[in-house]
Amino acid sequence: MILSVAIHISFGITVTKSTIFKRLHHMVHKSLKYMTMFQNGGTPLLYAVRGNHVKCVDTLLAGGADLTVEADSGYSPMDLAVALGHKKVQKVIEDHILKLLKHKA
């Protein structure tokens, strides 16, 4: 629900739970601006992590979402995944970081 609201605020579209991933995937691949920081300090990536939306986190990271942006609470996406016990999301973030490190080498 939170991610749906975040997407609605960012893009002015309403999505149902069943279509959220498909629309997010489309938006990322169309290079739409989805890194927006909302007034409460969240980003689509932070909302996806908070909601334990594994596929959305993976799609946002693949599209270039910034892992260093922190919420107003000071939590990065990884900090938030660990604090909330979202192990699958944490694994997606760890795998993404490893992939980035391999490309730099």
Protein backbone atom coordinates (compact mmCIF):
# COMPACT_ATOMS: atom_id res chain seq x y z
CA MET A 1 0.00 0.00 0.00
CA ILE A 2 2.73 2.47 0.92
CA LEU A 3 4.57 1.80 -2.36
CA SER A 4 1.32 2.26 -4.26
CA VAL A 5 0.84 5.64 -2.60
CA ALA A 6 4.46 6.56 -3.35
CA ILE A 7 4.05 5.70 -7.00
CA HIS A 8 0.78 7.62 -7.15
CA ILE A 9 2.44 10.70 -5.61
CA SER A 10 5.46 10.44 -7.92
CA PHE A 11 3.69 9.79 -11.18
CA GLY A 12 0.03 10.66 -10.69
CA ILE A 13 -1.15 7.13 -11.43
CA THR A 14 -3.13 4.74 -9.31
CA VAL A 15 -2.00 1.15 -9.21
CA THR A 16 -3.41 -2.00 -7.67
CA LYS A 17 -1.29 -4.49 -5.81
CA SER A 18 -1.45 -6.89 -8.77
CA THR A 19 -0.06 -4.36 -11.26
CA ILE A 20 2.45 -2.49 -9.12
CA PHE A 21 5.51 -4.49 -10.24
CA LYS A 22 4.58 -4.37 -13.93
CA ARG A 23 4.13 -0.60 -13.87
CA LEU A 24 7.28 -0.03 -11.85
CA HIS A 25 9.27 -2.15 -14.30
CA HIS A 26 7.84 -0.13 -17.20
CA MET A 27 8.62 3.20 -15.51
CA VAL A 28 12.19 2.23 -14.72
CA HIS A 29 12.86 1.06 -18.26
CA LYS A 30 11.33 4.23 -19.70
CA SER A 31 13.85 6.21 -17.61
CA LEU A 32 11.21 8.19 -15.77
CA LYS A 33 12.38 10.17 -12.76
CA TYR A 34 11.71 7.82 -9.84
CA MET A 35 14.41 8.95 -7.43
CA THR A 36 12.27 11.77 -6.05
CA MET A 37 12.61 12.43 -2.34
CA PHE A 38 9.17 12.89 -0.85
CA GLN A 39 8.39 15.48 1.83
CA ASN A 40 8.61 12.83 4.54
CA GLY A 41 12.14 11.89 3.43
CA GLY A 42 11.31 8.69 1.56
CA THR A 43 12.14 7.54 -1.95
CA PRO A 44 10.49 4.79 -3.99
CA LEU A 45 13.41 2.53 -3.01
CA LEU A 46 12.96 3.25 0.69
CA TYR A 47 9.22 2.60 0.40
CA ALA A 48 9.86 -0.66 -1.42
CA VAL A 49 12.35 -1.76 1.24
CA ARG A 50 10.00 -0.74 4.05
CA GLY A 51 7.17 -2.72 2.45
CA ASN A 52 9.37 -5.78 1.82
CA HIS A 53 8.68 -5.61 -1.94
CA VAL A 54 11.58 -7.73 -3.16
CA LYS A 55 10.88 -7.50 -6.90
CA CYS A 56 10.35 -3.74 -6.72
CA VAL A 57 13.63 -3.26 -4.84
CA ASP A 58 15.43 -5.35 -7.46
CA THR A 59 13.86 -3.39 -10.33
CA LEU A 60 14.63 -0.01 -8.78
CA LEU A 61 18.25 -0.98 -8.12
CA ALA A 62 18.65 -2.33 -11.66
CA GLY A 63 17.35 1.02 -12.90
CA GLY A 64 19.92 2.96 -10.92
CA ALA A 65 18.19 3.84 -7.64
CA ASP A 66 20.62 5.43 -5.20
CA LEU A 67 21.50 3.19 -2.24
CA THR A 68 23.15 6.06 -0.39
CA VAL A 69 20.03 8.19 0.05
CA GLU A 70 18.86 8.09 3.65
CA ALA A 71 15.40 8.54 5.07
CA ASP A 72 14.77 11.34 7.55
CA SER A 73 15.39 8.74 10.24
CA GLY A 74 18.97 8.38 8.97
CA TYR A 75 18.42 4.86 7.67
CA SER A 76 19.82 3.86 4.29
CA PRO A 77 17.89 1.22 2.32
CA MET A 78 20.24 -1.48 3.68
CA ASP A 79 19.92 -0.18 7.25
CA LEU A 80 16.15 -0.27 6.91
CA ALA A 81 16.11 -3.82 5.49
CA VAL A 82 18.28 -5.06 8.37
CA ALA A 83 16.29 -3.19 11.04
CA LEU A 84 13.00 -4.57 9.74
CA GLY A 85 14.34 -8.10 9.30
CA HIS A 86 13.60 -8.16 5.56
CA LYS A 87 16.22 -10.79 4.71
CA LYS A 88 15.22 -11.24 1.06
CA VAL A 89 15.40 -7.51 0.44
CA GLN A 90 18.73 -7.39 2.25
CA LYS A 91 20.02 -10.17 -0.04
CA VAL A 92 18.87 -8.27 -3.15
CA ILE A 93 20.72 -5.16 -1.95
CA GLU A 94 23.85 -7.15 -1.09
CA ASP A 95 23.81 -8.85 -4.51
CA HIS A 96 23.41 -5.47 -6.20
CA ILE A 97 26.38 -4.02 -4.29
CA LEU A 98 28.52 -7.03 -5.24
CA LYS A 99 27.52 -6.61 -8.88
CA LEU A 100 28.53 -2.93 -8.75
CA LEU A 101 31.88 -3.81 -7.21
CA LYS A 102 32.55 -6.44 -9.90
CA HIS A 103 31.84 -3.91 -12.65
CA LYS A 104 34.31 -1.46 -11.13
CA ALA A 105 37.08 -4.03 -11.07
